[in-house]
Protein backbone atom coordinates (compact mmCIF):
# COMPACT_ATOMS: atom_id res chain seq x y z
CA MET A 1 26.81 11.37 -1.07
CA ALA A 2 25.90 12.01 2.58
CA ILE A 3 22.82 13.83 3.79
CA SER A 4 23.59 17.30 5.16
CA ARG A 5 22.11 18.77 8.31
CA ASN A 6 20.28 21.40 6.25
CA ASP A 7 18.75 18.73 4.03
CA LEU A 8 17.81 16.64 7.04
CA LYS A 9 16.03 19.64 8.54
CA LYS A 10 14.25 20.39 5.25
CA PHE A 11 13.21 16.78 4.67
CA SER A 12 11.94 16.50 8.25
CA SER A 13 9.70 19.52 7.65
CA LEU A 14 7.88 17.75 4.80
CA LYS A 15 5.45 16.24 7.30
CA ARG A 16 3.61 19.58 6.96
CA LYS A 17 1.58 20.41 3.86
CA THR A 18 2.84 24.00 3.74
CA LYS A 19 6.45 22.84 3.68
CA ARG A 20 5.77 20.17 1.04
CA HIS A 21 4.41 22.78 -1.32
CA GLU A 22 6.97 25.41 -0.35
CA HIS A 23 9.78 23.05 -1.39
CA ASP A 24 7.76 21.10 -4.02
CA LEU A 25 8.87 17.88 -2.34
CA PHE A 26 7.21 14.90 -0.71
CA VAL A 27 8.35 11.78 1.16
CA VAL A 28 7.93 8.20 -0.04
CA GLU A 29 8.38 5.49 2.59
CA GLY A 30 8.92 1.76 2.37
CA GLU A 31 11.00 -0.56 0.20
CA LYS A 32 8.10 -1.63 -2.01
CA ILE A 33 6.76 1.87 -2.71
CA CYS A 34 10.26 3.27 -3.23
CA GLY A 35 10.78 0.47 -5.74
CA GLU A 36 7.61 1.63 -7.55
CA LEU A 37 8.90 5.20 -7.44
CA HIS A 38 12.15 4.22 -9.16
CA LYS A 39 10.11 2.68 -12.01
CA SER A 40 8.19 5.93 -12.52
CA ASN A 41 9.03 9.12 -14.41
CA LEU A 42 9.02 11.29 -11.29
CA LYS A 43 12.16 13.15 -10.32
CA ILE A 44 13.80 11.63 -7.26
CA VAL A 45 15.96 13.97 -5.19
CA ILE A 46 17.49 11.29 -2.97
CA THR A 47 16.74 7.78 -1.72
CA LEU A 48 17.94 7.00 1.79
CA ALA A 49 18.51 3.58 3.30
CA ASN A 50 19.63 2.28 6.65
CA SER A 51 23.40 1.71 6.54
CA GLU A 52 22.82 -1.97 7.31
CA LEU A 53 21.25 -2.37 3.84
CA LYS A 54 24.32 -1.16 1.91
CA SER A 55 24.88 -4.55 0.27
CA ILE A 56 21.23 -4.71 -0.88
CA TYR A 57 20.89 -1.10 -2.09
CA PRO A 58 24.39 0.11 -3.04
CA GLU A 59 22.88 2.81 -5.28
CA TYR A 60 21.02 4.46 -2.37
CA THR A 61 22.46 7.00 0.06
CA MET A 62 23.27 5.34 3.36
CA CYS A 63 22.36 7.01 6.65
CA SER A 64 21.46 6.12 10.21
CA GLN A 65 18.05 4.80 11.21
CA LYS A 66 17.87 7.81 13.54
CA ASP A 67 18.00 10.18 10.55
CA ILE A 68 15.36 8.16 8.71
CA SER A 69 13.15 8.33 11.81
CA ARG A 70 13.45 12.13 11.88
CA ILE A 71 12.11 12.36 8.33
CA SER A 72 9.52 9.60 8.63
CA SER A 73 5.89 10.14 9.61
CA LEU A 74 5.48 6.53 10.72
CA LYS A 75 5.48 5.22 14.29
CA SER A 76 7.67 2.37 13.06
CA PRO A 77 9.77 3.91 10.27
CA SER A 78 10.86 1.82 7.31
CA ASN A 79 14.51 1.19 6.50
CA VAL A 80 14.15 3.00 3.16
CA LEU A 81 12.61 6.31 2.13
CA ALA A 82 12.89 8.72 -0.77
CA ILE A 83 12.44 12.42 -1.34
CA CYS A 84 10.65 13.19 -4.58
CA LYS A 85 9.71 16.31 -6.53
CA ILE A 86 6.00 17.09 -6.67
CA PRO A 87 5.14 16.86 -10.39
CA LYS A 88 3.68 19.78 -12.33
CA ASN A 89 0.49 18.12 -13.51
CA GLU A 90 -1.42 19.41 -16.51
CA ILE A 91 -5.10 18.73 -17.14
CA ASN A 92 -5.74 16.54 -20.18
CA LEU A 93 -8.44 18.40 -22.10
CA LYS A 94 -8.80 15.42 -24.46
CA ASN A 95 -9.57 12.90 -21.71
CA GLU A 96 -12.01 10.34 -23.14
CA LYS A 97 -13.07 8.83 -19.82
CA PRO A 98 -15.47 10.25 -17.23
CA LEU A 99 -13.82 12.76 -14.92
CA ILE A 100 -13.83 12.01 -11.19
CA PHE A 101 -14.18 14.99 -8.85
CA LEU A 102 -13.67 14.39 -5.12
CA ASP A 103 -15.59 16.87 -2.99
CA ASN A 104 -13.86 17.57 0.33
CA ILE A 105 -12.36 14.13 0.96
CA SER A 106 -10.81 14.52 4.40
CA ASP A 107 -9.15 11.19 5.19
CA PRO A 108 -5.72 10.68 3.57
CA GLY A 109 -6.10 6.90 3.64
CA ASN A 110 -9.36 7.13 1.72
CA LEU A 111 -7.82 9.42 -0.88
CA GLY A 112 -4.85 7.09 -1.34
CA THR A 113 -7.13 4.08 -1.75
CA ILE A 114 -9.27 5.94 -4.31
CA ILE A 115 -6.12 6.86 -6.26
CA ARG A 116 -5.03 3.21 -6.20
CA THR A 117 -8.47 2.15 -7.46
CA LEU A 118 -8.42 4.74 -10.25
CA ASP A 119 -5.07 3.33 -11.34
CA TRP A 120 -6.48 -0.21 -11.32
CA PHE A 121 -9.31 0.78 -13.67
CA GLY A 122 -7.04 2.65 -16.06
CA PHE A 123 -7.82 6.24 -15.15
CA LYS A 124 -4.96 8.73 -15.43
CA GLU A 125 -6.12 11.72 -13.37
CA VAL A 126 -8.43 12.81 -10.57
CA PHE A 127 -9.83 16.20 -9.60
CA CYS A 128 -10.12 17.31 -5.98
CA SER A 129 -11.79 20.25 -4.32
CA LYS A 130 -9.32 22.59 -2.68
CA GLU A 131 -10.74 21.55 0.71
CA SER A 132 -9.73 17.93 0.15
CA VAL A 133 -6.73 16.41 1.91
CA ASP A 134 -3.34 16.80 0.23
CA SER A 135 -2.55 13.97 -2.19
CA TYR A 136 1.12 14.09 -1.12
CA ASN A 137 0.30 13.55 2.54
CA ASN A 138 2.41 10.59 3.69
CA LYS A 139 -0.65 8.49 4.56
CA THR A 140 -2.14 9.15 1.13
CA VAL A 141 1.09 8.15 -0.61
CA MET A 142 1.31 4.96 1.48
CA ALA A 143 -2.34 4.02 0.87
CA SER A 144 -1.95 4.51 -2.88
CA MET A 145 0.75 1.79 -2.93
CA GLY A 146 2.62 3.62 -5.68
CA SER A 147 -0.40 4.60 -7.78
CA ILE A 148 0.16 8.25 -6.85
CA PHE A 149 3.16 8.13 -9.22
CA ARG A 150 0.85 7.31 -12.16
CA ILE A 151 -2.31 9.28 -11.34
CA GLN A 152 -2.25 13.04 -11.82
CA THR A 153 -4.08 14.93 -9.07
CA HIS A 154 -5.55 18.37 -9.76
CA TYR A 155 -6.88 20.69 -7.04
CA ILE A 156 -9.49 22.91 -8.64
CA GLU A 157 -12.81 24.59 -7.92
CA PHE A 158 -15.68 22.66 -9.47
CA ILE A 159 -16.88 25.74 -11.35
CA GLU A 160 -13.47 26.04 -13.00
CA LEU A 161 -13.57 22.37 -13.99
CA GLN A 162 -16.99 22.95 -15.55
CA LYS A 163 -15.59 25.79 -17.62
CA LEU A 164 -12.87 23.51 -18.97
CA PHE A 165 -15.41 20.81 -19.89
CA PRO A 166 -18.63 22.74 -20.63
CA ASN A 167 -20.29 19.93 -22.59
CA HIS A 168 -19.88 17.24 -19.95
CA ASP A 169 -22.92 15.80 -18.18
CA LEU A 170 -22.85 16.22 -14.39
CA TYR A 171 -23.58 13.52 -11.79
CA ARG A 172 -23.18 13.32 -8.04
CA THR A 173 -23.33 10.48 -5.57
CA SER A 174 -26.31 10.33 -3.22
CA ILE A 175 -27.78 7.96 -0.64
CA LYS A 176 -31.18 8.42 -2.28
CA GLY A 177 -30.78 8.78 -6.02
CA LYS A 178 -30.99 6.86 -9.28
CA ASN A 179 -29.54 3.37 -9.28
CA ILE A 180 -26.16 3.62 -11.00
CA GLU A 181 -26.86 0.33 -12.78
CA ASP A 182 -29.83 1.96 -14.54
CA SER A 183 -28.07 5.22 -15.37
CA GLU A 184 -26.88 5.94 -18.90
CA ILE A 185 -23.52 7.56 -18.28
CA LYS A 186 -21.51 8.70 -21.27
CA PRO A 187 -17.73 9.13 -21.38
CA ASN A 188 -18.10 12.92 -21.42
CA SER A 189 -19.32 13.11 -17.83
CA ILE A 190 -18.12 14.50 -14.52
CA ILE A 191 -18.86 12.31 -11.49
CA VAL A 192 -18.75 14.04 -8.10
CA ILE A 193 -18.03 11.84 -5.07
CA GLY A 194 -18.78 13.45 -1.73
CA ASN A 195 -17.21 13.77 1.70
CA GLU A 196 -17.01 10.78 4.06
CA SER A 197 -19.62 12.03 6.52
CA ILE A 198 -21.74 14.71 4.82
CA GLY A 199 -21.59 13.62 1.19
CA VAL A 200 -21.65 16.13 -1.64
CA SER A 201 -21.70 19.76 -0.47
CA ASP A 202 -24.92 21.76 -0.67
CA LYS A 203 -23.42 24.21 -3.16
CA LEU A 204 -22.76 21.38 -5.62
CA LYS A 205 -26.13 19.72 -5.00
CA LYS A 206 -27.76 22.90 -6.27
CA ILE A 207 -26.02 22.76 -9.63
CA ILE A 208 -25.88 18.98 -10.20
CA PRO A 209 -29.37 17.50 -10.63
CA ASN A 210 -28.34 13.99 -11.71
CA THR A 211 -27.75 11.56 -8.85
CA LEU A 212 -26.12 8.13 -8.63
CA THR A 213 -26.84 5.59 -5.91
CA ILE A 214 -25.25 2.21 -5.23
CA PRO A 215 -28.05 -0.29 -4.51
CA GLY A 216 -27.78 -2.30 -1.31
CA ASN A 217 -29.83 -4.95 0.49
CA GLY A 218 -28.43 -4.74 4.01
CA GLN A 219 -28.94 -2.38 6.93
CA ALA A 220 -25.65 -0.46 6.89
CA GLU A 221 -26.26 3.28 6.78
CA SER A 222 -23.65 3.93 4.11
CA LEU A 223 -20.47 2.70 2.44
CA ASN A 224 -16.93 3.87 3.10
CA VAL A 225 -16.12 6.46 0.41
CA SER A 226 -13.20 4.47 -0.99
CA VAL A 227 -15.35 1.33 -1.24
CA ALA A 228 -18.15 3.31 -2.88
CA SER A 229 -15.66 4.84 -5.32
CA GLY A 230 -14.47 1.39 -6.35
CA ILE A 231 -18.02 0.23 -7.10
CA ILE A 232 -18.76 3.42 -9.05
CA LEU A 233 -15.56 3.15 -11.09
CA ASN A 234 -16.32 -0.48 -11.90
CA GLU A 235 -19.79 0.48 -13.16
CA LEU A 236 -18.39 3.38 -15.17
CA VAL A 237 -15.82 1.20 -16.90
CA LYS A 238 -18.46 -1.41 -17.77
CA LYS A 239 -20.78 1.23 -19.22
CA ILE A 240 -18.03 2.92 -21.23
CA ASN A 241 -16.82 -0.40 -22.66
CA LEU A 242 -20.37 -1.22 -23.76
CA GLN A 243 -20.65 2.12 -25.54
CA MET A 244 -17.33 1.85 -27.40
């Protein structure tokens, strides 16, 4: 099966968020991540490989490196990439772990790393404000190292999330708040993690009184949001395991 000119044009357009969601498709790049994709339950439209790799990947569709470069978002495109359907994720209303809400995360690399960390700690979904970067951005997919295939991402207004989980306790990250190590966080909680530079938005600060702070002894002004998320998730998992 060869790639048609129309498909090449469509796949090349997936660099743009509007086109990804218009076609319900996203691009996965790299041999390792494409290997992870093929182990997942996601629907793969096509996997393309440089013709020189025919003996290694006989099941993939062979094409020129020039065509791969047209689709790729990378400065140095991989020899393998796949086109995948964006899954129709459904919110698990019986989720027994704290819910993570990302408030206006703007860097795709940070989002991908957070998704990878959620996967490491056994979480199955994450909630994002509608202002947050697209989870199917190529840089996000790459940074997730395949975890995006296992973590469901939901873009939702925080107020709507509250309505779905009205009995959950609410917490937000803060530079000056209560030490997370001293906080009694129950499984039925929503944890809001704020933007890289401005933190949690003012509108959410007004409705979320409980704060969580990561204690530090150095002079750095703050932590990278993906690093902070990893520390928070580690603390959450420890607290939940102690309660169960």
